[in-house]
């Protein structure tokens, strides 16, 4: 994930665009593919897919992921940890 984020931030995948957390949940709600990503400077990062739900607070968005907790319907704070929510990048695809 760390290398993927470096590549995305560097423009290696021009059809992927960074977006705000609020835009991420709005885009996912209409069916756009949206990723939440965390770069870890001391080990592996993490990525999850934002699920299409209608939420007003992006912190309550749910994701599908594989990791310590696997599955769907997992809230962002559980998937990444509450303390990392402000460190997430959100990416959407054209």
C-alpha atoms as a PDB file:
ATOM      1  CA  UNK A   1       0.000   0.000   0.000  1.00  0.00           C
ATOM      2  CA  UNK A   2       2.817   2.424   0.804  1.00  0.00           C
ATOM      3  CA  UNK A   3       4.316   2.109  -2.668  1.00  0.00           C
ATOM      4  CA  UNK A   4       0.900   2.328  -4.314  1.00  0.00           C
ATOM      5  CA  UNK A   5       0.220   5.562  -2.440  1.00  0.00           C
ATOM      6  CA  UNK A   6       3.576   6.997  -3.513  1.00  0.00           C
ATOM      7  CA  UNK A   7       2.730   6.157  -7.114  1.00  0.00           C
ATOM      8  CA  UNK A   8      -0.787   7.581  -6.853  1.00  0.00           C
ATOM      9  CA  UNK A   9       0.451  10.791  -5.257  1.00  0.00           C
ATOM     10  CA  UNK A  10       3.054  11.044  -8.009  1.00  0.00           C
ATOM     11  CA  UNK A  11       0.432  10.794 -10.759  1.00  0.00           C
ATOM     12  CA  UNK A  12       1.339   7.309 -12.017  1.00  0.00           C
ATOM     13  CA  UNK A  13      -2.357   6.400 -12.298  1.00  0.00           C
ATOM     14  CA  UNK A  14      -3.948   9.439 -13.994  1.00  0.00           C
ATOM     15  CA  UNK A  15      -7.495   8.063 -13.831  1.00  0.00           C
ATOM     16  CA  UNK A  16      -7.347   8.006 -10.011  1.00  0.00           C
ATOM     17  CA  UNK A  17      -7.910  11.319  -8.218  1.00  0.00           C
ATOM     18  CA  UNK A  18      -7.549  12.249  -4.581  1.00  0.00           C
ATOM     19  CA  UNK A  19     -10.734  13.567  -3.012  1.00  0.00           C
ATOM     20  CA  UNK A  20     -11.920  14.869   0.339  1.00  0.00           C
ATOM     21  CA  UNK A  21     -13.433  12.496   2.895  1.00  0.00           C
ATOM     22  CA  UNK A  22     -16.887  14.042   2.371  1.00  0.00           C
ATOM     23  CA  UNK A  23     -16.604  13.693  -1.418  1.00  0.00           C
ATOM     24  CA  UNK A  24     -15.422  10.099  -0.955  1.00  0.00           C
ATOM     25  CA  UNK A  25     -18.614   9.000   0.796  1.00  0.00           C
ATOM     26  CA  UNK A  26     -20.789  10.985  -1.640  1.00  0.00           C
ATOM     27  CA  UNK A  27     -19.067   9.378  -4.623  1.00  0.00           C
ATOM     28  CA  UNK A  28     -19.273   5.897  -3.110  1.00  0.00           C
ATOM     29  CA  UNK A  29     -23.006   6.448  -2.474  1.00  0.00           C
ATOM     30  CA  UNK A  30     -23.575   6.870  -6.221  1.00  0.00           C
ATOM     31  CA  UNK A  31     -21.493   3.820  -7.076  1.00  0.00           C
ATOM     32  CA  UNK A  32     -18.097   5.331  -7.879  1.00  0.00           C
ATOM     33  CA  UNK A  33     -15.076   3.260  -6.811  1.00  0.00           C
ATOM     34  CA  UNK A  34     -13.438   4.910  -3.800  1.00  0.00           C
ATOM     35  CA  UNK A  35     -10.434   3.801  -1.758  1.00  0.00           C
ATOM     36  CA  UNK A  36      -9.378   4.868   1.719  1.00  0.00           C
ATOM     37  CA  UNK A  37      -5.621   4.498   2.136  1.00  0.00           C
ATOM     38  CA  UNK A  38      -3.155   4.941   4.970  1.00  0.00           C
ATOM     39  CA  UNK A  39       0.594   5.185   4.477  1.00  0.00           C
ATOM     40  CA  UNK A  40       2.614   3.742   7.349  1.00  0.00           C
ATOM     41  CA  UNK A  41       6.133   5.128   7.727  1.00  0.00           C
ATOM     42  CA  UNK A  42       7.231   2.194   9.913  1.00  0.00           C
ATOM     43  CA  UNK A  43       5.588  -0.785   8.209  1.00  0.00           C
ATOM     44  CA  UNK A  44       2.872  -1.858   5.809  1.00  0.00           C
ATOM     45  CA  UNK A  45       0.067   0.570   5.064  1.00  0.00           C
ATOM     46  CA  UNK A  46      -3.577  -0.289   4.613  1.00  0.00           C
ATOM     47  CA  UNK A  47      -6.277   0.118   1.972  1.00  0.00           C
ATOM     48  CA  UNK A  48     -10.031  -0.441   2.087  1.00  0.00           C
ATOM     49  CA  UNK A  49     -12.927   0.109  -0.314  1.00  0.00           C
ATOM     50  CA  UNK A  50     -15.559   2.632   0.787  1.00  0.00           C
ATOM     51  CA  UNK A  51     -18.988   1.008   0.617  1.00  0.00           C
ATOM     52  CA  UNK A  52     -21.942   2.768  -1.024  1.00  0.00           C
ATOM     53  CA  UNK A  53     -24.055   4.045   1.867  1.00  0.00           C
ATOM     54  CA  UNK A  54     -25.813   7.325   2.472  1.00  0.00           C
ATOM     55  CA  UNK A  55     -24.066   8.809   5.523  1.00  0.00           C
ATOM     56  CA  UNK A  56     -23.804  12.448   6.550  1.00  0.00           C
ATOM     57  CA  UNK A  57     -20.599  12.051   8.590  1.00  0.00           C
ATOM     58  CA  UNK A  58     -17.724  10.521   6.631  1.00  0.00           C
ATOM     59  CA  UNK A  59     -16.318   9.055   9.861  1.00  0.00           C
ATOM     60  CA  UNK A  60     -19.335   6.724   9.936  1.00  0.00           C
ATOM     61  CA  UNK A  61     -18.628   5.355   6.446  1.00  0.00           C
ATOM     62  CA  UNK A  62     -18.155   1.622   6.182  1.00  0.00           C
ATOM     63  CA  UNK A  63     -15.609  -0.299   4.180  1.00  0.00           C
ATOM     64  CA  UNK A  64     -14.857  -3.704   2.751  1.00  0.00           C
ATOM     65  CA  UNK A  65     -11.380  -4.877   3.655  1.00  0.00           C
ATOM     66  CA  UNK A  66      -8.986  -7.675   4.411  1.00  0.00           C
ATOM     67  CA  UNK A  67      -6.724  -7.202   7.403  1.00  0.00           C
ATOM     68  CA  UNK A  68      -6.791  -7.771  11.134  1.00  0.00           C
ATOM     69  CA  UNK A  69     -10.575  -7.431  10.780  1.00  0.00           C
ATOM     70  CA  UNK A  70     -11.917  -8.851   7.505  1.00  0.00           C
ATOM     71  CA  UNK A  71     -15.252  -8.379   5.825  1.00  0.00           C
ATOM     72  CA  UNK A  72     -17.773  -5.736   4.870  1.00  0.00           C
ATOM     73  CA  UNK A  73     -19.714  -3.179   6.874  1.00  0.00           C
ATOM     74  CA  UNK A  74     -16.653  -2.248   8.957  1.00  0.00           C
ATOM     75  CA  UNK A  75     -16.568   1.371  10.090  1.00  0.00           C
ATOM     76  CA  UNK A  76     -13.530   3.431   9.161  1.00  0.00           C
ATOM     77  CA  UNK A  77     -12.507   3.907  12.795  1.00  0.00           C
ATOM     78  CA  UNK A  78     -12.406   0.140  13.290  1.00  0.00           C
ATOM     79  CA  UNK A  79     -10.679  -0.557   9.968  1.00  0.00           C
ATOM     80  CA  UNK A  80      -7.905   2.012  10.403  1.00  0.00           C
ATOM     81  CA  UNK A  81      -8.105   3.030  14.056  1.00  0.00           C
ATOM     82  CA  UNK A  82      -9.737   6.214  15.342  1.00  0.00           C
ATOM     83  CA  UNK A  83      -6.332   7.874  15.760  1.00  0.00           C
ATOM     84  CA  UNK A  84      -5.541   7.455  12.033  1.00  0.00           C
ATOM     85  CA  UNK A  85      -8.715   8.922  10.509  1.00  0.00           C
ATOM     86  CA  UNK A  86      -7.073  12.283   9.806  1.00  0.00           C
ATOM     87  CA  UNK A  87      -4.122  10.492   8.139  1.00  0.00           C
ATOM     88  CA  UNK A  88      -6.206   8.799   5.444  1.00  0.00           C
ATOM     89  CA  UNK A  89      -6.070   9.593   1.746  1.00  0.00           C
ATOM     90  CA  UNK A  90      -9.230   9.050  -0.292  1.00  0.00           C
ATOM     91  CA  UNK A  91      -9.018   8.229  -3.993  1.00  0.00           C
ATOM     92  CA  UNK A  92     -11.691   7.841  -6.641  1.00  0.00           C
ATOM     93  CA  UNK A  93     -11.529   6.563 -10.207  1.00  0.00           C
ATOM     94  CA  UNK A  94     -12.950   8.273 -13.301  1.00  0.00           C
END
